Amino acid sequence: MLACVGRDVAERSEWVLPYRPPLAWGALAGFLAARAIPGVEAVEDGVYRRTTRIRGAAVVAELEHLPEQESFRLRVGAPPRHGDGLAERARHLLDLDADPVAVGAALGADPALARLVERRPGLRVPGAWDPFELAARGIIGQQVSVRAATTIAGRVAAAFGEPLEGGGTLTRLFPSPESLAGAELERAGLTRARAAAIRGLAAAVASGELSLDPAADLAETRVRLLALPGVGPWTAEYIAMRGLRDPDAFPASDLGLRYALPVSGRPASAAEVSARAEAWRPWRAYAAIHLWLSLADGAAP
């Protein structure tokens, strides 16, 4: 892991978080902005801001890109004790420990991906500040648009999240597993099945039955995720990709990936996508992000 330099400034703390260039910040910021949970996080003028908790207090953390220094500045509105893991959360969110040269060389060797890699050198896999939040968001996003999932996630935060004052448009912490384990999520706009799935996820995390720590055994975590009602392979792989930091996670059944990799003029099947992606190991998560973004700009292979 690259070094983090931290210091306290009056009633706030800040760190400088370096990364290996290049880094496609515009693409990463755009991805996060489109999925930012209203009231919890936002990307404004290229700066990522979100609510978080420090020793029981709700505060706002801010990440600003410093391209000339090849780093990010992390600021929080309170002096944490021993960092409270905030720098590690930020590094996971922005995938700052990636080796973009190695990833780019591997994926760029495939003619189907070469121009996508050239278009966005240093593309990261958008991670998660809080793996549970990301996992809940993954369930919310099943079979709905990104915009719809974002709206519903905001309603969940507004209904069940702890309020925060003084954060401007950021007004809520995302609800904890304990608060969602028995929550009446249907009133936030979730279907009965999705609400039950999130309650099951929350109960498993709250009880310790399921650990979403990225350092935990990935294979075991996948097994435990797939054992939960309402969590299938797509959701498990999405959580592994963004929440558990698995660089080889790959949701082969994703409709966007199927459209991005057509076969004879039709969307590929999940099996065809999976077979095509074998050449991209161990960086399939990066390939998935490239392919998703290629659909938005009409540059799919």
C-alpha atoms as a PDB file:
ATOM      1  CA  MET A   1       0.000   0.000   0.000  1.00  0.00           C
ATOM      2  CA  LEU A   2       1.235   3.465  -0.818  1.00  0.00           C
ATOM      3  CA  ALA A   3       1.884   5.792   2.108  1.00  0.00           C
ATOM      4  CA  CYS A   4      -0.727   8.137   3.560  1.00  0.00           C
ATOM      5  CA  VAL A   5       0.338  11.405   5.162  1.00  0.00           C
ATOM      6  CA  GLY A   6      -2.026  12.738   7.828  1.00  0.00           C
ATOM      7  CA  ARG A   7      -2.274  15.762  10.094  1.00  0.00           C
ATOM      8  CA  ASP A   8      -4.748  17.554  12.342  1.00  0.00           C
ATOM      9  CA  VAL A   9      -5.771  21.089  11.410  1.00  0.00           C
ATOM     10  CA  ALA A  10      -7.777  22.872  14.094  1.00  0.00           C
ATOM     11  CA  GLU A  11     -11.056  20.916  14.354  1.00  0.00           C
ATOM     12  CA  ARG A  12     -10.572  18.815  11.236  1.00  0.00           C
ATOM     13  CA  SER A  13      -8.102  16.239  10.016  1.00  0.00           C
ATOM     14  CA  GLU A  14      -6.705  15.648   6.591  1.00  0.00           C
ATOM     15  CA  TRP A  15      -4.588  13.095   4.786  1.00  0.00           C
ATOM     16  CA  VAL A  16      -2.794  13.032   1.450  1.00  0.00           C
ATOM     17  CA  LEU A  17      -3.379   9.711  -0.292  1.00  0.00           C
ATOM     18  CA  PRO A  18      -0.985   8.991  -3.191  1.00  0.00           C
ATOM     19  CA  TYR A  19      -1.688   6.645  -6.072  1.00  0.00           C
ATOM     20  CA  ARG A  20       0.136   5.160  -9.057  1.00  0.00           C
ATOM     21  CA  PRO A  21      -0.620   7.128 -12.233  1.00  0.00           C
ATOM     22  CA  PRO A  22      -2.415   7.237 -14.542  1.00  0.00           C
ATOM     23  CA  LEU A  23      -5.846   7.619 -12.982  1.00  0.00           C
ATOM     24  CA  ALA A  24      -9.042   8.263 -14.959  1.00  0.00           C
ATOM     25  CA  TRP A  25     -10.628  10.515 -12.334  1.00  0.00           C
ATOM     26  CA  GLY A  26     -13.280  11.889 -14.668  1.00  0.00           C
ATOM     27  CA  ALA A  27     -14.654   8.431 -15.378  1.00  0.00           C
ATOM     28  CA  LEU A  28     -14.431   7.357 -11.740  1.00  0.00           C
ATOM     29  CA  ALA A  29     -16.096  10.540 -10.488  1.00  0.00           C
ATOM     30  CA  GLY A  30     -18.853  10.189 -13.072  1.00  0.00           C
ATOM     31  CA  PHE A  31     -19.543   6.592 -12.041  1.00  0.00           C
ATOM     32  CA  LEU A  32     -19.750   7.556  -8.369  1.00  0.00           C
ATOM     33  CA  ALA A  33     -21.856  10.644  -9.088  1.00  0.00           C
ATOM     34  CA  ALA A  34     -24.476   8.649 -10.994  1.00  0.00           C
ATOM     35  CA  ARG A  35     -24.824   6.253  -8.061  1.00  0.00           C
ATOM     36  CA  ALA A  36     -24.448   8.692  -5.152  1.00  0.00           C
ATOM     37  CA  ILE A  37     -27.118   8.057  -2.514  1.00  0.00           C
ATOM     38  CA  PRO A  38     -29.077  11.305  -1.981  1.00  0.00           C
ATOM     39  CA  GLY A  39     -28.452  12.752   1.449  1.00  0.00           C
ATOM     40  CA  VAL A  40     -25.512  10.407   2.077  1.00  0.00           C
ATOM     41  CA  GLU A  41     -22.985  11.178  -0.650  1.00  0.00           C
ATOM     42  CA  ALA A  42     -22.453  13.537  -3.569  1.00  0.00           C
ATOM     43  CA  VAL A  43     -19.920  14.497  -6.214  1.00  0.00           C
ATOM     44  CA  GLU A  44     -19.844  18.275  -6.644  1.00  0.00           C
ATOM     45  CA  ASP A  45     -17.307  20.116  -8.820  1.00  0.00           C
ATOM     46  CA  GLY A  46     -15.254  16.931  -9.003  1.00  0.00           C
ATOM     47  CA  VAL A  47     -15.068  16.550  -5.209  1.00  0.00           C
ATOM     48  CA  TYR A  48     -16.549  13.468  -3.552  1.00  0.00           C
ATOM     49  CA  ARG A  49     -18.298  14.125  -0.220  1.00  0.00           C
ATOM     50  CA  ARG A  50     -20.105  11.743   2.090  1.00  0.00           C
ATOM     51  CA  THR A  51     -21.360  11.241   5.618  1.00  0.00           C
ATOM     52  CA  THR A  52     -19.559   8.883   7.939  1.00  0.00           C
ATOM     53  CA  ARG A  53     -19.171   8.145  11.633  1.00  0.00           C
ATOM     54  CA  ILE A  54     -16.186   8.870  13.865  1.00  0.00           C
ATOM     55  CA  ARG A  55     -16.344   7.556  17.452  1.00  0.00           C
ATOM     56  CA  GLY A  56     -20.126   7.812  17.478  1.00  0.00           C
ATOM     57  CA  ALA A  57     -20.260  11.260  15.839  1.00  0.00           C
ATOM     58  CA  ALA A  58     -21.732  11.865  12.393  1.00  0.00           C
ATOM     59  CA  VAL A  59     -19.407  13.949  10.193  1.00  0.00           C
ATOM     60  CA  VAL A  60     -18.724  14.673   6.522  1.00  0.00           C
ATOM     61  CA  ALA A  61     -15.636  13.363   4.722  1.00  0.00           C
ATOM     62  CA  GLU A  62     -14.367  14.992   1.539  1.00  0.00           C
ATOM     63  CA  LEU A  63     -12.051  13.654  -1.168  1.00  0.00           C
ATOM     64  CA  GLU A  64     -10.415  16.129  -3.544  1.00  0.00           C
ATOM     65  CA  HIS A  65      -8.213  15.086  -6.460  1.00  0.00           C
ATOM     66  CA  LEU A  66      -4.734  16.654  -6.576  1.00  0.00           C
ATOM     67  CA  PRO A  67      -3.594  15.634 -10.069  1.00  0.00           C
ATOM     68  CA  GLU A  68      -0.287  17.506  -9.967  1.00  0.00           C
ATOM     69  CA  GLN A  69       0.620  15.627  -6.785  1.00  0.00           C
ATOM     70  CA  GLU A  70      -0.806  12.325  -8.046  1.00  0.00           C
ATOM     71  CA  SER A  71      -2.833  12.023  -4.889  1.00  0.00           C
ATOM     72  CA  PHE A  72      -6.125  12.813  -3.163  1.00  0.00           C
ATOM     73  CA  ARG A  73      -6.705  14.997  -0.131  1.00  0.00           C
ATOM     74  CA  LEU A  74      -9.046  13.457   2.432  1.00  0.00           C
ATOM     75  CA  ARG A  75     -10.626  15.877   4.889  1.00  0.00           C
ATOM     76  CA  VAL A  76     -13.005  15.123   7.749  1.00  0.00           C
ATOM     77  CA  GLY A  77     -14.776  17.586   9.985  1.00  0.00           C
ATOM     78  CA  ALA A  78     -13.431  16.192  13.252  1.00  0.00           C
ATOM     79  CA  PRO A  79     -10.069  15.016  14.619  1.00  0.00           C
ATOM     80  CA  PRO A  80     -10.281  11.187  14.522  1.00  0.00           C
ATOM     81  CA  ARG A  81      -8.381   8.997  16.935  1.00  0.00           C
ATOM     82  CA  HIS A  82      -5.624   7.059  15.146  1.00  0.00           C
ATOM     83  CA  GLY A  83      -7.314   7.753  11.805  1.00  0.00           C
ATOM     84  CA  ASP A  84     -10.341   5.533  12.552  1.00  0.00           C
ATOM     85  CA  GLY A  85      -9.585   3.670   9.314  1.00  0.00           C
ATOM     86  CA  LEU A  86     -10.791   6.593   7.217  1.00  0.00           C
ATOM     87  CA  ALA A  87      -7.768   6.664   4.923  1.00  0.00           C
ATOM     88  CA  GLU A  88      -8.193   2.928   4.246  1.00  0.00           C
ATOM     89  CA  ARG A  89     -11.888   3.471   3.456  1.00  0.00           C
ATOM     90  CA  ALA A  90     -10.969   6.215   0.994  1.00  0.00           C
ATOM     91  CA  ARG A  91      -8.323   4.075  -0.660  1.00  0.00           C
ATOM     92  CA  HIS A  92     -10.822   1.234  -1.068  1.00  0.00           C
ATOM     93  CA  LEU A  93     -13.477   3.549  -2.476  1.00  0.00           C
ATOM     94  CA  LEU A  94     -11.156   4.988  -5.133  1.00  0.00           C
ATOM     95  CA  ASP A  95      -9.077   1.836  -5.718  1.00  0.00           C
ATOM     96  CA  LEU A  96      -5.922   3.806  -5.024  1.00  0.00           C
ATOM     97  CA  ASP A  97      -3.731   0.744  -4.481  1.00  0.00           C
ATOM     98  CA  ALA A  98      -4.256  -0.485  -8.048  1.00  0.00           C
ATOM     99  CA  ASP A  99      -1.375  -0.926 -10.457  1.00  0.00           C
ATOM    100  CA  PRO A 100      -2.886   0.674 -13.591  1.00  0.00           C
ATOM    101  CA  VAL A 101       0.135  -0.094 -15.773  1.00  0.00           C
ATOM    102  CA  ALA A 102      -0.122  -3.830 -15.095  1.00  0.00           C
ATOM    103  CA  VAL A 103      -3.914  -3.832 -15.534  1.00  0.00           C
ATOM    104  CA  GLY A 104      -3.728  -1.777 -18.721  1.00  0.00           C
ATOM    105  CA  ALA A 105      -1.040  -3.983 -20.244  1.00  0.00           C
ATOM    106  CA  ALA A 106      -3.005  -7.152 -19.537  1.00  0.00           C
ATOM    107  CA  LEU A 107      -6.356  -5.910 -20.819  1.00  0.00           C
ATOM    108  CA  GLY A 108      -4.857  -3.906 -23.671  1.00  0.00           C
ATOM    109  CA  ALA A 109      -3.389  -7.100 -25.112  1.00  0.00           C
ATOM    110  CA  ASP A 110      -6.950  -8.072 -26.090  1.00  0.00           C
ATOM    111  CA  PRO A 111      -7.963  -6.310 -29.331  1.00  0.00           C
ATOM    112  CA  ALA A 112     -11.560  -6.065 -28.093  1.00  0.00           C
ATOM    113  CA  LEU A 113     -10.481  -4.031 -25.059  1.00  0.00           C
ATOM    114  CA  ALA A 114      -7.408  -2.215 -26.364  1.00  0.00           C
ATOM    115  CA  ARG A 115      -9.216   0.903 -27.559  1.00  0.00           C
ATOM    116  CA  LEU A 116     -11.290   1.046 -24.387  1.00  0.00           C
ATOM    117  CA  VAL A 117      -8.127   0.962 -22.272  1.00  0.00           C
ATOM    118  CA  GLU A 118      -6.589   3.617 -24.507  1.00  0.00           C
ATOM    119  CA  ARG A 119      -9.697   5.782 -24.110  1.00  0.00           C
ATOM    120  CA  ARG A 120      -9.595   5.658 -20.303  1.00  0.00           C
ATOM    121  CA  PRO A 121      -6.040   4.924 -19.129  1.00  0.00           C
ATOM    122  CA  GLY A 122      -5.850   4.242 -15.419  1.00  0.00           C
ATOM    123  CA  LEU A 123      -9.526   3.373 -15.011  1.00  0.00           C
ATOM    124  CA  ARG A 124     -10.211   2.141 -11.479  1.00  0.00           C
ATOM    125  CA  VAL A 125     -12.875  -0.185 -10.130  1.00  0.00           C
ATOM    126  CA  PRO A 126     -15.148   2.057  -8.031  1.00  0.00           C
ATOM    127  CA  GLY A 127     -15.140   0.542  -4.573  1.00  0.00           C
ATOM    128  CA  ALA A 128     -17.072   1.130  -1.377  1.00  0.00           C
ATOM    129  CA  TRP A 129     -16.636   3.333   1.651  1.00  0.00           C
ATOM    130  CA  ASP A 130     -18.857   0.893   3.545  1.00  0.00           C
ATOM    131  CA  PRO A 131     -19.197  -2.659   2.166  1.00  0.00           C
ATOM    132  CA  PHE A 132     -22.584  -3.156   3.854  1.00  0.00           C
ATOM    133  CA  GLU A 133     -23.927   0.014   2.267  1.00  0.00           C
ATOM    134  CA  LEU A 134     -22.666  -1.210  -1.108  1.00  0.00           C
ATOM    135  CA  ALA A 135     -24.198  -4.660  -0.601  1.00  0.00           C
ATOM    136  CA  ALA A 136     -27.585  -3.181   0.283  1.00  0.00           C
ATOM    137  CA  ARG A 137     -27.318  -0.915  -2.748  1.00  0.00           C
ATOM    138  CA  GLY A 138     -26.534  -3.953  -4.890  1.00  0.00           C
ATOM    139  CA  ILE A 139     -29.775  -5.626  -3.819  1.00  0.00           C
ATOM    140  CA  ILE A 140     -31.740  -2.415  -4.384  1.00  0.00           C
ATOM    141  CA  GLY A 141     -30.285  -2.241  -7.897  1.00  0.00           C
ATOM    142  CA  GLN A 142     -31.438  -5.683  -8.977  1.00  0.00           C
ATOM    143  CA  GLN A 143     -33.318  -5.417 -12.289  1.00  0.00           C
ATOM    144  CA  VAL A 144     -33.879  -1.646 -12.052  1.00  0.00           C
ATOM    145  CA  SER A 145     -32.112   1.312 -13.622  1.00  0.00           C
ATOM    146  CA  VAL A 146     -29.219   3.106 -11.947  1.00  0.00           C
ATOM    147  CA  ARG A 147     -31.425   6.173 -11.474  1.00  0.00           C
ATOM    148  CA  ALA A 148     -34.242   4.189  -9.873  1.00  0.00           C
ATOM    149  CA  ALA A 149     -31.843   2.393  -7.541  1.00  0.00           C
ATOM    150  CA  THR A 150     -30.282   5.700  -6.511  1.00  0.00           C
ATOM    151  CA  THR A 151     -33.688   7.180  -5.725  1.00  0.00           C
ATOM    152  CA  ILE A 152     -34.785   4.189  -3.660  1.00  0.00           C
ATOM    153  CA  ALA A 153     -31.483   4.063  -1.767  1.00  0.00           C
ATOM    154  CA  GLY A 154     -32.000   7.723  -0.878  1.00  0.00           C
ATOM    155  CA  ARG A 155     -35.453   6.930   0.461  1.00  0.00           C
ATOM    156  CA  VAL A 156     -34.030   4.127   2.602  1.00  0.00           C
ATOM    157  CA  ALA A 157     -31.427   6.515   4.030  1.00  0.00           C
ATOM    158  CA  ALA A 158     -34.010   9.226   4.669  1.00  0.00           C
ATOM    159  CA  ALA A 159     -36.387   6.826   6.406  1.00  0.00           C
ATOM    160  CA  PHE A 160     -33.950   4.818   8.508  1.00  0.00           C
ATOM    161  CA  GLY A 161     -30.615   6.672   8.593  1.00  0.00           C
ATOM    162  CA  GLU A 162     -29.389   8.776  11.475  1.00  0.00           C
ATOM    163  CA  PRO A 163     -29.707  12.519  10.756  1.00  0.00           C
ATOM    164  CA  LEU A 164     -26.699  14.805  10.460  1.00  0.00           C
ATOM    165  CA  GLU A 165     -26.732  18.583  10.878  1.00  0.00           C
ATOM    166  CA  GLY A 166     -24.464  21.078   9.171  1.00  0.00           C
ATOM    167  CA  GLY A 167     -23.645  18.902   6.164  1.00  0.00           C
ATOM    168  CA  GLY A 168     -25.539  20.971   3.608  1.00  0.00           C
ATOM    169  CA  THR A 169     -27.205  18.582   1.179  1.00  0.00           C
ATOM    170  CA  LEU A 170     -25.718  15.644   3.102  1.00  0.00           C
ATOM    171  CA  THR A 171     -28.241  14.983   5.839  1.00  0.00           C
ATOM    172  CA  ARG A 172     -28.120  11.275   6.711  1.00  0.00           C
ATOM    173  CA  LEU A 173     -25.814   8.436   7.589  1.00  0.00           C
ATOM    174  CA  PHE A 174     -26.630   5.284   5.682  1.00  0.00           C
ATOM    175  CA  PRO A 175     -28.529   2.947   8.041  1.00  0.00           C
ATOM    176  CA  SER A 176     -26.558   0.362   9.971  1.00  0.00           C
ATOM    177  CA  PRO A 177     -27.165  -3.383   9.610  1.00  0.00           C
ATOM    178  CA  GLU A 178     -28.812  -3.379  13.041  1.00  0.00           C
ATOM    179  CA  SER A 179     -31.296  -0.684  12.025  1.00  0.00           C
ATOM    180  CA  LEU A 180     -32.262  -2.421   8.764  1.00  0.00           C
ATOM    181  CA  ALA A 181     -32.534  -5.973  10.085  1.00  0.00           C
ATOM    182  CA  GLY A 182     -36.119  -5.378  11.177  1.00  0.00           C
ATOM    183  CA  ALA A 183     -36.987  -2.287   9.143  1.00  0.00           C
ATOM    184  CA  GLU A 184     -40.225  -1.936   7.203  1.00  0.00           C
ATOM    185  CA  LEU A 185     -38.352  -1.271   3.971  1.00  0.00           C
ATOM    186  CA  GLU A 186     -41.427  -1.599   1.787  1.00  0.00           C
ATOM    187  CA  ARG A 187     -42.440   1.933   2.757  1.00  0.00           C
ATOM    188  CA  ALA A 188     -39.266   3.212   1.086  1.00  0.00           C
ATOM    189  CA  GLY A 189     -40.447   1.828  -2.256  1.00  0.00           C
ATOM    190  CA  LEU A 190     -38.845  -1.613  -2.215  1.00  0.00           C
ATOM    191  CA  THR A 191     -40.722  -4.685  -3.380  1.00  0.00           C
ATOM    192  CA  ARG A 192     -41.506  -7.267  -0.738  1.00  0.00           C
ATOM    193  CA  ALA A 193     -38.809  -9.583  -2.097  1.00  0.00           C
ATOM    194  CA  ARG A 194     -36.099  -6.882  -2.177  1.00  0.00           C
ATOM    195  CA  ALA A 195     -37.043  -5.685   1.311  1.00  0.00           C
ATOM    196  CA  ALA A 196     -36.809  -9.224   2.671  1.00  0.00           C
ATOM    197  CA  ALA A 197     -33.431  -9.711   0.981  1.00  0.00           C
ATOM    198  CA  ILE A 198     -31.993  -6.560   2.563  1.00  0.00           C
ATOM    199  CA  ARG A 199     -33.365  -7.517   5.981  1.00  0.00           C
ATOM    200  CA  GLY A 200     -31.735 -10.939   5.608  1.00  0.00           C
ATOM    201  CA  LEU A 201     -28.417  -9.377   4.594  1.00  0.00           C
ATOM    202  CA  ALA A 202     -28.577  -6.888   7.467  1.00  0.00           C
ATOM    203  CA  ALA A 203     -29.420  -9.583  10.021  1.00  0.00           C
ATOM    204  CA  ALA A 204     -26.543 -11.778   8.823  1.00  0.00           C
ATOM    205  CA  VAL A 205     -24.050  -8.900   9.069  1.00  0.00           C
ATOM    206  CA  ALA A 206     -25.396  -7.676  12.414  1.00  0.00           C
ATOM    207  CA  SER A 207     -25.177 -11.159  13.944  1.00  0.00           C
ATOM    208  CA  GLY A 208     -21.666 -11.796  12.631  1.00  0.00           C
ATOM    209  CA  GLU A 209     -22.860 -14.672  10.451  1.00  0.00           C
ATOM    210  CA  LEU A 210     -21.608 -12.771   7.421  1.00  0.00           C
ATOM    211  CA  SER A 211     -18.444 -10.663   7.304  1.00  0.00           C
ATOM    212  CA  LEU A 212     -18.088  -8.093   4.524  1.00  0.00           C
ATOM    213  CA  ASP A 213     -14.533  -7.283   5.466  1.00  0.00           C
ATOM    214  CA  PRO A 214     -12.471  -7.186   2.224  1.00  0.00           C
ATOM    215  CA  ALA A 215      -9.734  -9.041   4.106  1.00  0.00           C
ATOM    216  CA  ALA A 216     -11.999 -12.037   4.735  1.00  0.00           C
ATOM    217  CA  ASP A 217     -11.847 -15.188   2.622  1.00  0.00           C
ATOM    218  CA  LEU A 218     -13.502 -14.288  -0.684  1.00  0.00           C
ATOM    219  CA  ALA A 219     -14.669 -17.797  -1.541  1.00  0.00           C
ATOM    220  CA  GLU A 220     -16.325 -18.257   1.845  1.00  0.00           C
ATOM    221  CA  THR A 221     -17.945 -14.827   1.670  1.00  0.00           C
ATOM    222  CA  ARG A 222     -19.402 -15.648  -1.748  1.00  0.00           C
ATOM    223  CA  VAL A 223     -20.856 -18.900  -0.394  1.00  0.00           C
ATOM    224  CA  ARG A 224     -22.448 -17.065   2.533  1.00  0.00           C
ATOM    225  CA  LEU A 225     -23.828 -14.346   0.261  1.00  0.00           C
ATOM    226  CA  LEU A 226     -25.361 -16.865  -2.126  1.00  0.00           C
ATOM    227  CA  ALA A 227     -27.016 -18.640   0.812  1.00  0.00           C
ATOM    228  CA  LEU A 228     -29.022 -15.487   1.594  1.00  0.00           C
ATOM    229  CA  PRO A 229     -32.548 -15.237   0.143  1.00  0.00           C
ATOM    230  CA  GLY A 230     -32.651 -12.854  -2.792  1.00  0.00           C
ATOM    231  CA  VAL A 231     -28.894 -12.869  -3.446  1.00  0.00           C
ATOM    232  CA  GLY A 232     -27.945 -14.532  -6.717  1.00  0.00           C
ATOM    233  CA  PRO A 233     -24.717 -14.737  -8.700  1.00  0.00           C
ATOM    234  CA  TRP A 234     -25.046 -11.233 -10.202  1.00  0.00           C
ATOM    235  CA  THR A 235     -25.472  -9.595  -6.799  1.00  0.00           C
ATOM    236  CA  ALA A 236     -22.724 -11.675  -5.191  1.00  0.00           C
ATOM    237  CA  GLU A 237     -20.260 -10.768  -7.948  1.00  0.00           C
ATOM    238  CA  TYR A 238     -21.221  -7.086  -7.843  1.00  0.00           C
ATOM    239  CA  ILE A 239     -20.617  -7.035  -4.087  1.00  0.00           C
ATOM    240  CA  ALA A 240     -17.317  -8.893  -4.542  1.00  0.00           C
ATOM    241  CA  MET A 241     -16.221  -6.448  -7.243  1.00  0.00           C
ATOM    242  CA  ARG A 242     -16.997  -3.195  -5.462  1.00  0.00           C
ATOM    243  CA  GLY A 243     -17.384  -4.060  -1.785  1.00  0.00           C
ATOM    244  CA  LEU A 244     -14.852  -6.847  -1.273  1.00  0.00           C
ATOM    245  CA  ARG A 245     -12.186  -5.492  -3.667  1.00  0.00           C
ATOM    246  CA  ASP A 246     -11.857  -8.685  -5.722  1.00  0.00           C
ATOM    247  CA  PRO A 247     -10.108  -7.573  -8.950  1.00  0.00           C
ATOM    248  CA  ASP A 248     -11.303 -10.704 -10.746  1.00  0.00           C
ATOM    249  CA  ALA A 249     -14.986 -10.530  -9.769  1.00  0.00           C
ATOM    250  CA  PHE A 250     -17.199 -10.579 -12.833  1.00  0.00           C
ATOM    251  CA  PRO A 251     -21.018 -10.563 -13.052  1.00  0.00           C
ATOM    252  CA  ALA A 252     -21.215 -12.492 -16.330  1.00  0.00           C
ATOM    253  CA  SER A 253     -25.032 -12.474 -16.412  1.00  0.00           C
ATOM    254  CA  ASP A 254     -25.183  -8.662 -16.367  1.00  0.00           C
ATOM    255  CA  LEU A 255     -27.359  -7.413 -19.226  1.00  0.00           C
ATOM    256  CA  GLY A 256     -25.012  -4.503 -19.951  1.00  0.00           C
ATOM    257  CA  LEU A 257     -22.044  -6.825 -20.359  1.00  0.00           C
ATOM    258  CA  ARG A 258     -24.108  -9.066 -22.607  1.00  0.00           C
ATOM    259  CA  TYR A 259     -24.921  -6.105 -24.854  1.00  0.00           C
ATOM    260  CA  ALA A 260     -21.319  -4.880 -24.780  1.00  0.00           C
ATOM    261  CA  LEU A 261     -20.095  -8.256 -26.070  1.00  0.00           C
ATOM    262  CA  PRO A 262     -22.568  -9.180 -28.824  1.00  0.00           C
ATOM    263  CA  VAL A 263     -22.360 -12.433 -30.716  1.00  0.00           C
ATOM    264  CA  SER A 264     -23.643 -12.518 -34.331  1.00  0.00           C
ATOM    265  CA  GLY A 265     -25.581  -9.315 -33.796  1.00  0.00           C
ATOM    266  CA  ARG A 266     -27.343 -10.416 -30.618  1.00  0.00           C
ATOM    267  CA  PRO A 267     -26.519  -9.937 -26.932  1.00  0.00           C
ATOM    268  CA  ALA A 268     -24.171 -12.639 -25.735  1.00  0.00           C
ATOM    269  CA  SER A 269     -25.418 -15.234 -23.294  1.00  0.00           C
ATOM    270  CA  ALA A 270     -24.027 -15.299 -19.776  1.00  0.00           C
ATOM    271  CA  ALA A 271     -22.041 -18.416 -20.689  1.00  0.00           C
ATOM    272  CA  GLU A 272     -20.585 -16.690 -23.765  1.00  0.00           C
ATOM    273  CA  VAL A 273     -19.651 -13.612 -21.723  1.00  0.00           C
ATOM    274  CA  SER A 274     -18.016 -15.781 -19.085  1.00  0.00           C
ATOM    275  CA  ALA A 275     -16.012 -17.700 -21.691  1.00  0.00           C
ATOM    276  CA  ARG A 276     -14.914 -14.470 -23.406  1.00  0.00           C
ATOM    277  CA  ALA A 277     -13.734 -13.047 -20.089  1.00  0.00           C
ATOM    278  CA  GLU A 278     -11.412 -15.926 -19.272  1.00  0.00           C
ATOM    279  CA  ALA A 279      -8.639 -14.136 -21.176  1.00  0.00           C
ATOM    280  CA  TRP A 280      -8.938 -11.148 -18.832  1.00  0.00           C
ATOM    281  CA  ARG A 281      -8.095 -12.936 -15.591  1.00  0.00           C
ATOM    282  CA  PRO A 282      -7.102 -11.805 -12.988  1.00  0.00           C
ATOM    283  CA  TRP A 283      -8.456  -8.348 -13.907  1.00  0.00           C
ATOM    284  CA  ARG A 284     -12.015  -9.119 -15.011  1.00  0.00           C
ATOM    285  CA  ALA A 285     -13.509  -6.489 -12.676  1.00  0.00           C
ATOM    286  CA  TYR A 286     -11.574  -3.780 -14.533  1.00  0.00           C
ATOM    287  CA  ALA A 287     -12.750  -5.168 -17.856  1.00  0.00           C
ATOM    288  CA  ALA A 288     -16.357  -5.015 -16.621  1.00  0.00           C
ATOM    289  CA  ILE A 289     -16.020  -1.321 -15.731  1.00  0.00           C
ATOM    290  CA  HIS A 290     -14.495  -0.554 -19.134  1.00  0.00           C
ATOM    291  CA  LEU A 291     -17.346  -2.370 -20.867  1.00  0.00           C
ATOM    292  CA  TRP A 292     -20.073  -0.692 -18.806  1.00  0.00           C
ATOM    293  CA  LEU A 293     -18.668   2.738 -19.559  1.00  0.00           C
ATOM    294  CA  SER A 294     -18.255   1.889 -23.233  1.00  0.00           C
ATOM    295  CA  LEU A 295     -22.034   1.461 -23.509  1.00  0.00           C
ATOM    296  CA  ALA A 296     -22.576   5.008 -22.280  1.00  0.00           C
ATOM    297  CA  ASP A 297     -20.271   6.531 -24.911  1.00  0.00           C
ATOM    298  CA  GLY A 298     -21.148   4.179 -27.764  1.00  0.00           C
ATOM    299  CA  ALA A 299     -17.663   2.661 -27.898  1.00  0.00           C
ATOM    300  CA  ALA A 300     -18.499  -0.931 -27.045  1.00  0.00           C
ATOM    301  CA  PRO A 301     -16.302  -3.497 -28.821  1.00  0.00           C
END
